[in-house]
PDB file of N, CA and C in Angstrom:
ATOM      1  N   UNK A   1      28.045  -6.792 -19.612  1.00  0.00           N
ATOM      2  CA  UNK A   1      26.934  -6.100 -19.007  1.00  0.00           C
ATOM      3  C   UNK A   1      25.941  -7.150 -18.498  1.00  0.00           C
ATOM      4  N   UNK A   2      25.672  -7.138 -17.235  1.00  0.00           N
ATOM      5  CA  UNK A   2      24.751  -8.083 -16.639  1.00  0.00           C
ATOM      6  C   UNK A   2      23.631  -7.327 -15.953  1.00  0.00           C
ATOM      7  N   UNK A   3      22.419  -7.758 -16.217  1.00  0.00           N
ATOM      8  CA  UNK A   3      21.254  -7.166 -15.570  1.00  0.00           C
ATOM      9  C   UNK A   3      20.833  -8.116 -14.463  1.00  0.00           C
ATOM     10  N   UNK A   4      20.809  -7.628 -13.245  1.00  0.00           N
ATOM     11  CA  UNK A   4      20.385  -8.463 -12.127  1.00  0.00           C
ATOM     12  C   UNK A   4      19.254  -7.783 -11.386  1.00  0.00           C
ATOM     13  N   UNK A   5      18.368  -8.583 -10.849  1.00  0.00           N
ATOM     14  CA  UNK A   5      17.267  -8.096 -10.034  1.00  0.00           C
ATOM     15  C   UNK A   5      17.377  -8.757  -8.666  1.00  0.00           C
ATOM     16  N   UNK A   6      18.267  -8.251  -7.789  1.00  0.00           N
ATOM     17  CA  UNK A   6      18.560  -8.970  -6.551  1.00  0.00           C
ATOM     18  C   UNK A   6      17.421  -8.993  -5.541  1.00  0.00           C
ATOM     19  N   UNK A   7      16.630  -7.920  -5.450  1.00  0.00           N
ATOM     20  CA  UNK A   7      15.638  -7.842  -4.388  1.00  0.00           C
ATOM     21  C   UNK A   7      14.216  -8.013  -4.900  1.00  0.00           C
ATOM     22  N   UNK A   8      14.046  -8.713  -5.996  1.00  0.00           N
ATOM     23  CA  UNK A   8      12.715  -8.918  -6.543  1.00  0.00           C
ATOM     24  C   UNK A   8      12.107 -10.158  -5.903  1.00  0.00           C
ATOM     25  N   UNK A   9      10.897 -10.022  -5.436  1.00  0.00           N
ATOM     26  CA  UNK A   9      10.174 -11.120  -4.801  1.00  0.00           C
ATOM     27  C   UNK A   9      10.002 -12.264  -5.810  1.00  0.00           C
ATOM     28  N   UNK A  10      10.147 -13.503  -5.371  1.00  0.00           N
ATOM     29  CA  UNK A  10      10.054 -14.640  -6.312  1.00  0.00           C
ATOM     30  C   UNK A  10       8.724 -14.707  -7.068  1.00  0.00           C
ATOM     31  N   UNK A  11       7.625 -14.335  -6.437  1.00  0.00           N
ATOM     32  CA  UNK A  11       6.331 -14.367  -7.136  1.00  0.00           C
ATOM     33  C   UNK A  11       6.266 -13.278  -8.203  1.00  0.00           C
ATOM     34  N   UNK A  12       6.864 -12.127  -7.943  1.00  0.00           N
ATOM     35  CA  UNK A  12       6.907 -11.068  -8.950  1.00  0.00           C
ATOM     36  C   UNK A  12       7.805 -11.475 -10.109  1.00  0.00           C
ATOM     37  N   UNK A  13       8.911 -12.125  -9.807  1.00  0.00           N
ATOM     38  CA  UNK A  13       9.807 -12.625 -10.858  1.00  0.00           C
ATOM     39  C   UNK A  13       9.091 -13.667 -11.711  1.00  0.00           C
ATOM     40  N   UNK A  14       8.302 -14.553 -11.077  1.00  0.00           N
ATOM     41  CA  UNK A  14       7.519 -15.540 -11.810  1.00  0.00           C
ATOM     42  C   UNK A  14       6.484 -14.855 -12.702  1.00  0.00           C
ATOM     43  N   UNK A  15       5.858 -13.798 -12.217  1.00  0.00           N
ATOM     44  CA  UNK A  15       4.894 -13.049 -13.016  1.00  0.00           C
ATOM     45  C   UNK A  15       5.564 -12.394 -14.220  1.00  0.00           C
ATOM     46  N   UNK A  16       6.750 -11.813 -14.016  1.00  0.00           N
ATOM     47  CA  UNK A  16       7.475 -11.176 -15.115  1.00  0.00           C
ATOM     48  C   UNK A  16       7.849 -12.210 -16.172  1.00  0.00           C
ATOM     49  N   UNK A  17       8.371 -13.348 -15.749  1.00  0.00           N
ATOM     50  CA  UNK A  17       8.749 -14.388 -16.706  1.00  0.00           C
ATOM     51  C   UNK A  17       7.515 -14.986 -17.391  1.00  0.00           C
ATOM     52  N   UNK A  18       6.439 -15.144 -16.660  1.00  0.00           N
ATOM     53  CA  UNK A  18       5.208 -15.669 -17.258  1.00  0.00           C
ATOM     54  C   UNK A  18       4.653 -14.746 -18.322  1.00  0.00           C
ATOM     55  N   UNK A  19       4.620 -13.446 -18.026  1.00  0.00           N
ATOM     56  CA  UNK A  19       4.133 -12.479 -19.005  1.00  0.00           C
ATOM     57  C   UNK A  19       5.055 -12.406 -20.215  1.00  0.00           C
ATOM     58  N   UNK A  20       6.349 -12.427 -19.967  1.00  0.00           N
ATOM     59  CA  UNK A  20       7.307 -12.353 -21.066  1.00  0.00           C
ATOM     60  C   UNK A  20       7.255 -13.568 -21.965  1.00  0.00           C
ATOM     61  N   UNK A  21       7.249 -14.754 -21.376  1.00  0.00           N
ATOM     62  CA  UNK A  21       7.209 -15.970 -22.182  1.00  0.00           C
ATOM     63  C   UNK A  21       5.885 -16.132 -22.915  1.00  0.00           C
ATOM     64  N   UNK A  22       4.782 -15.734 -22.287  1.00  0.00           N
ATOM     65  CA  UNK A  22       3.497 -15.848 -22.973  1.00  0.00           C
ATOM     66  C   UNK A  22       3.397 -14.862 -24.120  1.00  0.00           C
ATOM     67  N   UNK A  23       3.966 -13.666 -23.980  1.00  0.00           N
ATOM     68  CA  UNK A  23       3.934 -12.714 -25.092  1.00  0.00           C
ATOM     69  C   UNK A  23       4.840 -13.173 -26.231  1.00  0.00           C
ATOM     70  N   UNK A  24       5.973 -13.795 -25.909  1.00  0.00           N
ATOM     71  CA  UNK A  24       6.814 -14.357 -26.969  1.00  0.00           C
ATOM     72  C   UNK A  24       6.109 -15.525 -27.662  1.00  0.00           C
ATOM     73  N   UNK A  25       5.426 -16.352 -26.898  1.00  0.00           N
ATOM     74  CA  UNK A  25       4.685 -17.463 -27.482  1.00  0.00           C
ATOM     75  C   UNK A  25       3.547 -16.999 -28.371  1.00  0.00           C
ATOM     76  N   UNK A  26       2.829 -15.974 -27.934  1.00  0.00           N
ATOM     77  CA  UNK A  26       1.736 -15.465 -28.767  1.00  0.00           C
ATOM     78  C   UNK A  26       2.273 -14.805 -30.033  1.00  0.00           C
ATOM     79  N   UNK A  27       3.432 -14.164 -29.951  1.00  0.00           N
ATOM     80  CA  UNK A  27       4.035 -13.574 -31.148  1.00  0.00           C
ATOM     81  C   UNK A  27       4.413 -14.661 -32.149  1.00  0.00           C
ATOM     82  N   UNK A  28       4.961 -15.772 -31.668  1.00  0.00           N
ATOM     83  CA  UNK A  28       5.284 -16.888 -32.565  1.00  0.00           C
ATOM     84  C   UNK A  28       4.029 -17.491 -33.187  1.00  0.00           C
ATOM     85  N   UNK A  29       2.967 -17.614 -32.398  1.00  0.00           N
ATOM     86  CA  UNK A  29       1.714 -18.146 -32.920  1.00  0.00           C
ATOM     87  C   UNK A  29       1.135 -17.237 -33.998  1.00  0.00           C
ATOM     88  N   UNK A  30       1.138 -15.936 -33.764  1.00  0.00           N
ATOM     89  CA  UNK A  30       0.601 -15.003 -34.749  1.00  0.00           C
ATOM     90  C   UNK A  30       1.432 -15.002 -36.027  1.00  0.00           C
ATOM     91  N   UNK A  31       2.752 -15.081 -35.895  1.00  0.00           N
ATOM     92  CA  UNK A  31       3.589 -15.147 -37.092  1.00  0.00           C
ATOM     93  C   UNK A  31       3.330 -16.429 -37.874  1.00  0.00           C
ATOM     94  N   UNK A  32       3.082 -17.517 -37.172  1.00  0.00           N
ATOM     95  CA  UNK A  32       2.765 -18.770 -37.850  1.00  0.00           C
ATOM     96  C   UNK A  32       1.473 -18.652 -38.637  1.00  0.00           C
ATOM     97  N   UNK A  33       0.457 -18.030 -38.053  1.00  0.00           N
ATOM     98  CA  UNK A  33      -0.809 -17.864 -38.773  1.00  0.00           C
ATOM     99  C   UNK A  33      -0.656 -16.924 -39.962  1.00  0.00           C
ATOM    100  N   UNK A  34       0.145 -15.879 -39.825  1.00  0.00           N
ATOM    101  CA  UNK A  34       0.373 -14.960 -40.940  1.00  0.00           C
ATOM    102  C   UNK A  34       1.094 -15.670 -42.078  1.00  0.00           C
ATOM    103  N   UNK A  35       2.158 -16.412 -41.769  1.00  0.00           N
ATOM    104  CA  UNK A  35       2.888 -17.104 -42.814  1.00  0.00           C
ATOM    105  C   UNK A  35       2.059 -18.208 -43.461  1.00  0.00           C
ATOM    106  N   UNK A  36       1.196 -18.862 -42.686  1.00  0.00           N
ATOM    107  CA  UNK A  36       0.293 -19.860 -43.261  1.00  0.00           C
ATOM    108  C   UNK A  36      -0.663 -19.204 -44.245  1.00  0.00           C
ATOM    109  N   UNK A  37      -1.189 -18.035 -43.892  1.00  0.00           N
ATOM    110  CA  UNK A  37      -2.077 -17.308 -44.792  1.00  0.00           C
ATOM    111  C   UNK A  37      -1.343 -16.868 -46.054  1.00  0.00           C
ATOM    112  N   UNK A  38      -0.097 -16.441 -45.908  1.00  0.00           N
ATOM    113  CA  UNK A  38       0.686 -16.035 -47.078  1.00  0.00           C
ATOM    114  C   UNK A  38       0.932 -17.228 -47.996  1.00  0.00           C
ATOM    115  N   UNK A  39       1.255 -18.386 -47.416  1.00  0.00           N
ATOM    116  CA  UNK A  39       1.492 -19.572 -48.232  1.00  0.00           C
ATOM    117  C   UNK A  39       0.231 -20.038 -48.953  1.00  0.00           C
ATOM    118  N   UNK A  40      -0.932 -19.905 -48.308  1.00  0.00           N
ATOM    119  CA  UNK A  40      -2.170 -20.368 -48.913  1.00  0.00           C
ATOM    120  C   UNK A  40      -2.708 -19.387 -49.948  1.00  0.00           C
ATOM    121  N   UNK A  41      -2.647 -18.087 -49.642  1.00  0.00           N
ATOM    122  CA  UNK A  41      -3.278 -17.081 -50.501  1.00  0.00           C
ATOM    123  C   UNK A  41      -2.290 -16.288 -51.336  1.00  0.00           C
ATOM    124  N   UNK A  42      -1.041 -16.278 -50.950  1.00  0.00           N
ATOM    125  CA  UNK A  42      -0.049 -15.476 -51.654  1.00  0.00           C
ATOM    126  C   UNK A  42       0.121 -14.092 -51.071  1.00  0.00           C
ATOM    127  N   UNK A  43      -0.735 -13.711 -50.135  1.00  0.00           N
ATOM    128  CA  UNK A  43      -0.644 -12.395 -49.490  1.00  0.00           C
ATOM    129  C   UNK A  43      -1.327 -12.470 -48.129  1.00  0.00           C
ATOM    130  N   UNK A  44      -1.110 -11.446 -47.334  1.00  0.00           N
ATOM    131  CA  UNK A  44      -1.796 -11.341 -46.043  1.00  0.00           C
ATOM    132  C   UNK A  44      -2.283  -9.916 -45.879  1.00  0.00           C
ATOM    133  N   UNK A  45      -3.543  -9.787 -45.524  1.00  0.00           N
ATOM    134  CA  UNK A  45      -4.102  -8.464 -45.283  1.00  0.00           C
ATOM    135  C   UNK A  45      -4.841  -8.517 -43.953  1.00  0.00           C
ATOM    136  N   UNK A  46      -4.347  -7.751 -43.022  1.00  0.00           N
ATOM    137  CA  UNK A  46      -4.969  -7.705 -41.711  1.00  0.00           C
ATOM    138  C   UNK A  46      -5.274  -6.276 -41.316  1.00  0.00           C
ATOM    139  N   UNK A  47      -6.544  -5.995 -41.079  1.00  0.00           N
ATOM    140  CA  UNK A  47      -6.978  -4.657 -40.679  1.00  0.00           C
ATOM    141  C   UNK A  47      -7.751  -4.805 -39.378  1.00  0.00           C
ATOM    142  N   UNK A  48      -7.300  -4.116 -38.355  1.00  0.00           N
ATOM    143  CA  UNK A  48      -7.961  -4.194 -37.056  1.00  0.00           C
ATOM    144  C   UNK A  48      -8.778  -2.922 -36.840  1.00  0.00           C
ATOM    145  N   UNK A  49     -10.074  -3.083 -36.618  1.00  0.00           N
ATOM    146  CA  UNK A  49     -10.978  -1.945 -36.427  1.00  0.00           C
ATOM    147  C   UNK A  49     -11.107  -1.544 -34.953  1.00  0.00           C
ATOM    148  N   UNK A  50     -10.911  -2.499 -34.043  1.00  0.00           N
ATOM    149  CA  UNK A  50     -11.073  -2.243 -32.620  1.00  0.00           C
ATOM    150  C   UNK A  50      -9.772  -1.645 -32.073  1.00  0.00           C
ATOM    151  N   UNK A  51      -9.838  -0.411 -31.585  1.00  0.00           N
ATOM    152  CA  UNK A  51      -8.631   0.266 -31.115  1.00  0.00           C
ATOM    153  C   UNK A  51      -8.077  -0.340 -29.832  1.00  0.00           C
ATOM    154  N   UNK A  52      -8.935  -0.910 -28.995  1.00  0.00           N
ATOM    155  CA  UNK A  52      -8.466  -1.551 -27.779  1.00  0.00           C
ATOM    156  C   UNK A  52      -7.601  -2.764 -28.101  1.00  0.00           C
ATOM    157  N   UNK A  53      -8.059  -3.583 -29.041  1.00  0.00           N
ATOM    158  CA  UNK A  53      -7.287  -4.770 -29.435  1.00  0.00           C
ATOM    159  C   UNK A  53      -5.986  -4.349 -30.102  1.00  0.00           C
ATOM    160  N   UNK A  54      -6.046  -3.349 -30.951  1.00  0.00           N
ATOM    161  CA  UNK A  54      -4.846  -2.870 -31.631  1.00  0.00           C
ATOM    162  C   UNK A  54      -3.816  -2.350 -30.630  1.00  0.00           C
ATOM    163  N   UNK A  55      -4.243  -1.552 -29.668  1.00  0.00           N
ATOM    164  CA  UNK A  55      -3.317  -1.033 -28.655  1.00  0.00           C
ATOM    165  C   UNK A  55      -2.800  -2.145 -27.755  1.00  0.00           C
ATOM    166  N   UNK A  56      -3.633  -3.142 -27.478  1.00  0.00           N
ATOM    167  CA  UNK A  56      -3.178  -4.282 -26.673  1.00  0.00           C
ATOM    168  C   UNK A  56      -2.112  -5.077 -27.414  1.00  0.00           C
ATOM    169  N   UNK A  57      -2.306  -5.267 -28.711  1.00  0.00           N
ATOM    170  CA  UNK A  57      -1.300  -5.983 -29.498  1.00  0.00           C
ATOM    171  C   UNK A  57       0.016  -5.211 -29.549  1.00  0.00           C
ATOM    172  N   UNK A  58      -0.066  -3.908 -29.670  1.00  0.00           N
ATOM    173  CA  UNK A  58       1.147  -3.080 -29.681  1.00  0.00           C
ATOM    174  C   UNK A  58       1.845  -3.150 -28.327  1.00  0.00           C
ATOM    175  N   UNK A  59       1.081  -3.095 -27.236  1.00  0.00           N
ATOM    176  CA  UNK A  59       1.675  -3.169 -25.898  1.00  0.00           C
ATOM    177  C   UNK A  59       2.325  -4.536 -25.665  1.00  0.00           C
ATOM    178  N   UNK A  60       1.659  -5.612 -26.082  1.00  0.00           N
ATOM    179  CA  UNK A  60       2.242  -6.946 -25.917  1.00  0.00           C
ATOM    180  C   UNK A  60       3.488  -7.128 -26.771  1.00  0.00           C
ATOM    181  N   UNK A  61       3.508  -6.502 -27.936  1.00  0.00           N
ATOM    182  CA  UNK A  61       4.716  -6.540 -28.758  1.00  0.00           C
ATOM    183  C   UNK A  61       5.858  -5.827 -28.056  1.00  0.00           C
ATOM    184  N   UNK A  62       5.568  -4.694 -27.421  1.00  0.00           N
ATOM    185  CA  UNK A  62       6.596  -3.986 -26.655  1.00  0.00           C
ATOM    186  C   UNK A  62       7.114  -4.815 -25.491  1.00  0.00           C
ATOM    187  N   UNK A  63       6.209  -5.493 -24.793  1.00  0.00           N
ATOM    188  CA  UNK A  63       6.615  -6.361 -23.688  1.00  0.00           C
ATOM    189  C   UNK A  63       7.483  -7.504 -24.209  1.00  0.00           C
ATOM    190  N   UNK A  64       7.090  -8.083 -25.340  1.00  0.00           N
ATOM    191  CA  UNK A  64       7.862  -9.192 -25.910  1.00  0.00           C
ATOM    192  C   UNK A  64       9.257  -8.733 -26.320  1.00  0.00           C
ATOM    193  N   UNK A  65       9.373  -7.553 -26.909  1.00  0.00           N
ATOM    194  CA  UNK A  65      10.686  -7.037 -27.315  1.00  0.00           C
ATOM    195  C   UNK A  65      11.548  -6.754 -26.092  1.00  0.00           C
ATOM    196  N   UNK A  66      10.960  -6.137 -25.073  1.00  0.00           N
ATOM    197  CA  UNK A  66      11.722  -5.838 -23.856  1.00  0.00           C
ATOM    198  C   UNK A  66      12.164  -7.123 -23.162  1.00  0.00           C
ATOM    199  N   UNK A  67      11.285  -8.107 -23.081  1.00  0.00           N
ATOM    200  CA  UNK A  67      11.635  -9.367 -22.432  1.00  0.00           C
ATOM    201  C   UNK A  67      12.692 -10.125 -23.231  1.00  0.00           C
ATOM    202  N   UNK A  68      12.573 -10.108 -24.561  1.00  0.00           N
ATOM    203  CA  UNK A  68      13.576 -10.761 -25.392  1.00  0.00           C
ATOM    204  C   UNK A  68      14.932 -10.095 -25.200  1.00  0.00           C
ATOM    205  N   UNK A  69      14.954  -8.768 -25.129  1.00  0.00           N
ATOM    206  CA  UNK A  69      16.210  -8.061 -24.872  1.00  0.00           C
ATOM    207  C   UNK A  69      16.796  -8.410 -23.516  1.00  0.00           C
ATOM    208  N   UNK A  70      15.930  -8.495 -22.509  1.00  0.00           N
ATOM    209  CA  UNK A  70      16.380  -8.861 -21.171  1.00  0.00           C
ATOM    210  C   UNK A  70      16.975 -10.262 -21.159  1.00  0.00           C
ATOM    211  N   UNK A  71      16.268 -11.222 -21.763  1.00  0.00           N
ATOM    212  CA  UNK A  71      16.763 -12.594 -21.786  1.00  0.00           C
ATOM    213  C   UNK A  71      18.027 -12.710 -22.630  1.00  0.00           C
ATOM    214  N   UNK A  72      18.102 -11.965 -23.718  1.00  0.00           N
ATOM    215  CA  UNK A  72      19.280 -11.992 -24.575  1.00  0.00           C
ATOM    216  C   UNK A  72      20.508 -11.506 -23.812  1.00  0.00           C
ATOM    217  N   UNK A  73      20.376 -10.376 -23.120  1.00  0.00           N
ATOM    218  CA  UNK A  73      21.525  -9.855 -22.371  1.00  0.00           C
ATOM    219  C   UNK A  73      21.855 -10.742 -21.178  1.00  0.00           C
ATOM    220  N   UNK A  74      20.852 -11.329 -20.576  1.00  0.00           N
ATOM    221  CA  UNK A  74      21.104 -12.155 -19.398  1.00  0.00           C
ATOM    222  C   UNK A  74      21.805 -13.468 -19.749  1.00  0.00           C
ATOM    223  N   UNK A  75      21.370 -14.136 -20.811  1.00  0.00           N
ATOM    224  CA  UNK A  75      21.914 -15.441 -21.137  1.00  0.00           C
ATOM    225  C   UNK A  75      23.083 -15.390 -22.120  1.00  0.00           C
ATOM    226  N   UNK A  76      23.020 -14.543 -23.112  1.00  0.00           N
ATOM    227  CA  UNK A  76      24.075 -14.521 -24.116  1.00  0.00           C
ATOM    228  C   UNK A  76      25.313 -13.812 -23.602  1.00  0.00           C
ATOM    229  N   UNK A  77      25.154 -12.601 -23.083  1.00  0.00           N
ATOM    230  CA  UNK A  77      26.318 -11.849 -22.617  1.00  0.00           C
ATOM    231  C   UNK A  77      26.875 -12.406 -21.313  1.00  0.00           C
ATOM    232  N   UNK A  78      26.019 -12.983 -20.498  1.00  0.00           N
ATOM    233  CA  UNK A  78      26.460 -13.533 -19.224  1.00  0.00           C
ATOM    234  C   UNK A  78      27.217 -14.844 -19.422  1.00  0.00           C
ATOM    235  N   UNK A  79      26.847 -15.632 -20.428  1.00  0.00           N
ATOM    236  CA  UNK A  79      27.483 -16.933 -20.635  1.00  0.00           C
ATOM    237  C   UNK A  79      28.834 -16.819 -21.336  1.00  0.00           C
ATOM    238  N   UNK A  80      29.125 -15.667 -21.948  1.00  0.00           N
ATOM    239  CA  UNK A  80      30.398 -15.521 -22.663  1.00  0.00           C
ATOM    240  C   UNK A  80      31.559 -15.260 -21.716  1.00  0.00           C
ATOM    241  N   UNK A  81      31.307 -15.038 -20.458  1.00  0.00           N
ATOM    242  CA  UNK A  81      32.376 -14.768 -19.486  1.00  0.00           C
ATOM    243  C   UNK A  81      32.819 -16.011 -18.784  1.00  0.00           C
TER     244      UNK A  81
END
């Protein structure tokens, strides 16, 4: 199964990859801070009061999962042939 985007403008493709890679990078950074807090304190407790920030984090997580799935199918399944 190969996902191709034949008629996507190069600047739009750059925007998609930029958003995807930055959301994956921010997810790695946040996981690093969480694990550092767990190692230092023995636990992590995070409560977000601002609904805009919470919804933004959920949306960026969705983008990161979708982009990771896209890259996984593009590189892993495509390279096995």
